[in-house]
Amino acid sequence: MVLDRLRDLLDSSDDDRELYRCVNCGDEFERAFRECPACGGPYVAPVDGDSRNA
């Protein structure tokens, strides 16, 4: 249910969060962006191989 998902998001520890990396500059973030806040690149993608993104 939606409430269960919301509760999971609010209760999750830092280890449960996904990791995203800018494809241009390599800076990492805890959420996806359309444009990298660091360099202005076109998008930030999930980090492949990161256990939090499995």
C-alpha atoms as a PDB file:
ATOM      1  CA  MET A   1       0.000   0.000   0.000  1.00  0.00           C
ATOM      2  CA  VAL A   2       0.964   3.604  -0.412  1.00  0.00           C
ATOM      3  CA  LEU A   3       1.134   4.191   3.332  1.00  0.00           C
ATOM      4  CA  ASP A   4       3.473   1.221   3.797  1.00  0.00           C
ATOM      5  CA  ARG A   5       5.795   2.554   1.100  1.00  0.00           C
ATOM      6  CA  LEU A   6       5.755   6.019   2.652  1.00  0.00           C
ATOM      7  CA  ARG A   7       6.518   4.551   6.074  1.00  0.00           C
ATOM      8  CA  ASP A   8       9.410   2.565   4.584  1.00  0.00           C
ATOM      9  CA  LEU A   9      10.825   5.705   2.998  1.00  0.00           C
ATOM     10  CA  LEU A  10      10.598   7.667   6.235  1.00  0.00           C
ATOM     11  CA  ASP A  11      12.019   4.848   8.376  1.00  0.00           C
ATOM     12  CA  SER A  12      14.870   3.854   6.066  1.00  0.00           C
ATOM     13  CA  SER A  13      18.423   4.303   7.246  1.00  0.00           C
ATOM     14  CA  ASP A  14      21.118   5.971   5.156  1.00  0.00           C
ATOM     15  CA  ASP A  15      22.309   2.524   4.032  1.00  0.00           C
ATOM     16  CA  ASP A  16      18.932   1.862   2.396  1.00  0.00           C
ATOM     17  CA  ARG A  17      19.024   4.952   0.192  1.00  0.00           C
ATOM     18  CA  GLU A  18      19.923   4.698  -3.460  1.00  0.00           C
ATOM     19  CA  LEU A  19      23.051   6.400  -4.711  1.00  0.00           C
ATOM     20  CA  TYR A  20      23.141   8.437  -7.923  1.00  0.00           C
ATOM     21  CA  ARG A  21      26.169   9.729  -9.825  1.00  0.00           C
ATOM     22  CA  CYS A  22      26.497  12.476 -12.415  1.00  0.00           C
ATOM     23  CA  VAL A  23      27.549  10.985 -15.744  1.00  0.00           C
ATOM     24  CA  ASN A  24      29.655  14.093 -16.455  1.00  0.00           C
ATOM     25  CA  CYS A  25      31.519  15.101 -13.277  1.00  0.00           C
ATOM     26  CA  GLY A  26      31.085  11.980 -11.124  1.00  0.00           C
ATOM     27  CA  ASP A  27      29.631  13.738  -8.062  1.00  0.00           C
ATOM     28  CA  GLU A  28      27.305  11.469  -6.059  1.00  0.00           C
ATOM     29  CA  PHE A  29      23.894  12.283  -4.627  1.00  0.00           C
ATOM     30  CA  GLU A  30      21.179  10.573  -2.597  1.00  0.00           C
ATOM     31  CA  ARG A  31      18.477  11.413  -5.144  1.00  0.00           C
ATOM     32  CA  ALA A  32      18.149  11.695  -8.904  1.00  0.00           C
ATOM     33  CA  PHE A  33      18.312  15.061 -10.641  1.00  0.00           C
ATOM     34  CA  ARG A  34      17.469  16.031 -14.215  1.00  0.00           C
ATOM     35  CA  GLU A  35      20.442  18.361 -14.139  1.00  0.00           C
ATOM     36  CA  CYS A  36      23.504  17.894 -11.933  1.00  0.00           C
ATOM     37  CA  PRO A  37      23.602  20.534  -9.183  1.00  0.00           C
ATOM     38  CA  ALA A  38      27.411  20.438  -9.233  1.00  0.00           C
ATOM     39  CA  CYS A  39      28.245  20.840 -12.937  1.00  0.00           C
ATOM     40  CA  GLY A  40      24.935  21.399 -14.741  1.00  0.00           C
ATOM     41  CA  GLY A  41      25.287  18.165 -16.738  1.00  0.00           C
ATOM     42  CA  PRO A  42      22.174  16.689 -18.376  1.00  0.00           C
ATOM     43  CA  TYR A  43      21.283  14.020 -15.817  1.00  0.00           C
ATOM     44  CA  VAL A  44      22.284  12.010 -12.773  1.00  0.00           C
ATOM     45  CA  ALA A  45      22.003   8.203 -13.032  1.00  0.00           C
ATOM     46  CA  PRO A  46      21.865   5.350 -10.495  1.00  0.00           C
ATOM     47  CA  VAL A  47      25.261   3.954  -9.563  1.00  0.00           C
ATOM     48  CA  ASP A  48      25.689   0.473 -11.079  1.00  0.00           C
ATOM     49  CA  GLY A  49      26.937  -2.109  -8.634  1.00  0.00           C
ATOM     50  CA  ASP A  50      25.931  -0.104  -5.568  1.00  0.00           C
ATOM     51  CA  SER A  51      24.195  -2.476  -3.161  1.00  0.00           C
ATOM     52  CA  ARG A  52      21.673   0.218  -2.258  1.00  0.00           C
ATOM     53  CA  ASN A  53      20.436   0.317  -5.873  1.00  0.00           C
ATOM     54  CA  ALA A  54      19.748  -3.430  -6.109  1.00  0.00           C
END
